[in-house]
N, C-alpha and C. Protein backbone atom coordinates (compact mmCIF):
# COMPACT_ATOMS: atom_id res chain seq x y z
N MET A 1 104.22 88.96 118.32
CA MET A 1 105.29 88.78 117.37
C MET A 1 105.61 87.29 117.27
N VAL A 2 105.90 86.85 116.07
CA VAL A 2 106.22 85.46 115.82
C VAL A 2 107.70 85.21 116.09
N ASP A 3 108.00 84.07 116.69
CA ASP A 3 109.40 83.68 116.87
C ASP A 3 109.84 82.96 115.60
N PHE A 4 110.78 83.56 114.88
CA PHE A 4 111.27 82.98 113.65
C PHE A 4 112.33 81.93 113.94
N THR A 5 112.39 80.93 113.09
CA THR A 5 113.48 79.97 113.17
C THR A 5 114.75 80.64 112.68
N LYS A 6 115.87 79.98 112.89
CA LYS A 6 117.15 80.51 112.41
C LYS A 6 117.10 80.70 110.89
N GLU A 7 116.54 79.72 110.19
CA GLU A 7 116.46 79.78 108.73
C GLU A 7 115.54 80.91 108.27
N GLU A 8 114.43 81.08 108.94
CA GLU A 8 113.51 82.17 108.58
C GLU A 8 114.17 83.53 108.79
N THR A 9 114.90 83.66 109.86
CA THR A 9 115.63 84.90 110.12
C THR A 9 116.66 85.16 109.04
N GLN A 10 117.32 84.10 108.58
CA GLN A 10 118.30 84.24 107.50
C GLN A 10 117.64 84.67 106.19
N ALA A 11 116.37 84.33 106.00
CA ALA A 11 115.66 84.66 104.76
C ALA A 11 115.18 86.11 104.72
N LEU A 12 115.04 86.75 105.84
CA LEU A 12 114.48 88.10 105.89
C LEU A 12 115.25 89.14 105.07
N PRO A 13 116.59 89.15 105.09
CA PRO A 13 117.28 90.13 104.25
C PRO A 13 116.97 89.99 102.76
N ALA A 14 116.78 88.76 102.30
CA ALA A 14 116.42 88.55 100.89
C ALA A 14 115.05 89.14 100.58
N VAL A 15 114.15 89.04 101.53
CA VAL A 15 112.82 89.63 101.36
C VAL A 15 112.93 91.15 101.30
N MET A 16 113.72 91.72 102.18
CA MET A 16 113.88 93.18 102.18
C MET A 16 114.50 93.67 100.87
N ARG A 17 115.50 92.93 100.37
CA ARG A 17 116.11 93.31 99.09
C ARG A 17 115.10 93.23 97.95
N ALA A 18 114.25 92.23 97.98
CA ALA A 18 113.24 92.07 96.93
C ALA A 18 112.18 93.17 97.00
N LEU A 19 111.85 93.62 98.20
CA LEU A 19 110.83 94.65 98.36
C LEU A 19 111.32 96.05 98.01
N GLY A 20 112.61 96.27 98.11
CA GLY A 20 113.18 97.60 97.87
C GLY A 20 112.76 98.23 96.56
N PRO A 21 112.94 97.56 95.42
CA PRO A 21 112.55 98.17 94.15
C PRO A 21 111.05 98.49 94.05
N GLU A 22 110.24 97.62 94.61
CA GLU A 22 108.79 97.88 94.56
C GLU A 22 108.43 99.06 95.45
N MET A 23 109.06 99.17 96.61
CA MET A 23 108.81 100.31 97.49
C MET A 23 109.30 101.60 96.83
N GLU A 24 110.39 101.51 96.10
CA GLU A 24 110.89 102.67 95.37
C GLU A 24 109.86 103.13 94.34
N ARG A 25 109.26 102.16 93.65
CA ARG A 25 108.23 102.47 92.66
C ARG A 25 107.00 103.11 93.31
N ILE A 26 106.59 102.55 94.43
CA ILE A 26 105.40 103.04 95.12
C ILE A 26 105.67 104.40 95.76
N GLY A 27 106.83 104.53 96.36
CA GLY A 27 107.20 105.75 97.09
C GLY A 27 107.29 105.43 98.57
N TRP A 28 108.47 105.61 99.12
CA TRP A 28 108.71 105.27 100.52
C TRP A 28 107.87 106.11 101.48
N ASP A 29 107.50 107.31 101.07
CA ASP A 29 106.77 108.20 101.97
C ASP A 29 105.26 108.05 101.87
N ARG A 30 104.81 107.15 101.05
CA ARG A 30 103.37 106.96 100.85
C ARG A 30 102.77 106.12 101.97
N PRO A 31 101.74 106.60 102.66
CA PRO A 31 101.12 105.83 103.74
C PRO A 31 100.47 104.56 103.22
N LEU A 32 100.49 103.52 104.03
CA LEU A 32 99.88 102.25 103.62
C LEU A 32 98.41 102.41 103.25
N ALA A 33 97.71 103.28 103.93
CA ALA A 33 96.29 103.49 103.66
C ALA A 33 96.05 104.03 102.25
N GLN A 34 97.07 104.58 101.61
CA GLN A 34 96.92 105.12 100.27
C GLN A 34 97.33 104.13 99.17
N LEU A 35 97.79 102.95 99.55
CA LEU A 35 98.18 101.97 98.55
C LEU A 35 96.93 101.40 97.86
N THR A 36 97.08 101.12 96.59
CA THR A 36 95.98 100.51 95.86
C THR A 36 95.96 99.01 96.16
N GLN A 37 94.87 98.37 95.78
CA GLN A 37 94.78 96.93 95.94
C GLN A 37 95.90 96.24 95.15
N ASN A 38 96.18 96.76 93.97
CA ASN A 38 97.25 96.19 93.15
C ASN A 38 98.62 96.35 93.83
N ASP A 39 98.87 97.52 94.44
CA ASP A 39 100.12 97.73 95.16
C ASP A 39 100.28 96.71 96.28
N MET A 40 99.23 96.52 97.06
CA MET A 40 99.28 95.57 98.18
C MET A 40 99.49 94.15 97.67
N HIS A 41 98.80 93.81 96.61
CA HIS A 41 98.94 92.48 96.03
C HIS A 41 100.39 92.25 95.60
N ARG A 42 100.97 93.22 94.91
CA ARG A 42 102.36 93.09 94.45
C ARG A 42 103.32 92.95 95.63
N LEU A 43 103.11 93.72 96.69
CA LEU A 43 103.98 93.63 97.86
C LEU A 43 103.89 92.25 98.51
N ILE A 44 102.69 91.73 98.61
CA ILE A 44 102.50 90.41 99.22
C ILE A 44 103.14 89.33 98.36
N VAL A 45 102.90 89.37 97.06
CA VAL A 45 103.46 88.36 96.16
C VAL A 45 104.99 88.40 96.19
N ILE A 46 105.56 89.59 96.12
CA ILE A 46 107.01 89.74 96.16
C ILE A 46 107.57 89.19 97.47
N THR A 47 106.92 89.51 98.57
CA THR A 47 107.36 89.05 99.88
C THR A 47 107.34 87.54 99.98
N VAL A 48 106.20 86.95 99.65
CA VAL A 48 106.05 85.50 99.76
C VAL A 48 107.02 84.77 98.83
N GLU A 49 107.13 85.24 97.60
CA GLU A 49 108.00 84.58 96.63
C GLU A 49 109.47 84.67 97.05
N ALA A 50 109.90 85.84 97.48
CA ALA A 50 111.30 85.99 97.91
C ALA A 50 111.59 85.11 99.11
N PHE A 51 110.65 85.03 100.04
CA PHE A 51 110.82 84.20 101.23
C PHE A 51 110.90 82.73 100.85
N ARG A 52 110.01 82.28 99.98
CA ARG A 52 110.00 80.88 99.56
C ARG A 52 111.29 80.51 98.84
N VAL A 53 111.74 81.37 97.95
CA VAL A 53 112.97 81.09 97.20
C VAL A 53 114.16 80.98 98.15
N LYS A 54 114.28 81.92 99.05
CA LYS A 54 115.42 81.91 99.98
C LYS A 54 115.34 80.71 100.91
N MET A 55 114.16 80.37 101.40
CA MET A 55 114.02 79.20 102.27
C MET A 55 114.40 77.93 101.52
N ALA A 56 114.06 77.83 100.25
CA ALA A 56 114.45 76.67 99.45
C ALA A 56 115.97 76.61 99.30
N GLU A 57 116.60 77.75 99.07
CA GLU A 57 118.06 77.79 98.97
C GLU A 57 118.71 77.36 100.28
N ILE A 58 118.17 77.83 101.38
CA ILE A 58 118.71 77.48 102.70
C ILE A 58 118.54 75.98 102.93
N ALA A 59 117.40 75.43 102.55
CA ALA A 59 117.15 74.00 102.74
C ALA A 59 118.15 73.17 101.94
N LEU A 60 118.48 73.61 100.74
CA LEU A 60 119.46 72.89 99.92
C LEU A 60 120.84 72.91 100.56
N GLU A 61 121.18 74.01 101.19
CA GLU A 61 122.47 74.12 101.87
C GLU A 61 122.57 73.18 103.06
N ASP A 62 121.44 72.94 103.70
CA ASP A 62 121.41 72.13 104.91
C ASP A 62 121.26 70.64 104.65
N GLU A 63 120.98 70.25 103.40
CA GLU A 63 120.81 68.83 103.10
C GLU A 63 122.13 68.09 103.22
N ILE A 64 122.03 66.88 103.69
CA ILE A 64 123.22 66.03 103.84
C ILE A 64 123.34 65.20 102.55
N PRO A 65 124.43 65.38 101.82
CA PRO A 65 124.59 64.62 100.57
C PRO A 65 124.93 63.15 100.85
N PHE A 66 124.20 62.25 100.19
CA PHE A 66 124.46 60.82 100.31
C PHE A 66 124.63 60.23 98.95
């Protein structure tokens, strides 16, 4: 398991919120082995994009204004 930074840990809820609608579309009870390549691609893209956006927001909050 990876040790997340404080900021990365703060970003995880945003990722989960972003994944919710896609998982609803796919079906929560569907095994991962039954996902299509397109389903997996969409899940990965949504995850990475949500994480990047939230990390950027967190970085802006932490900047010292001069």
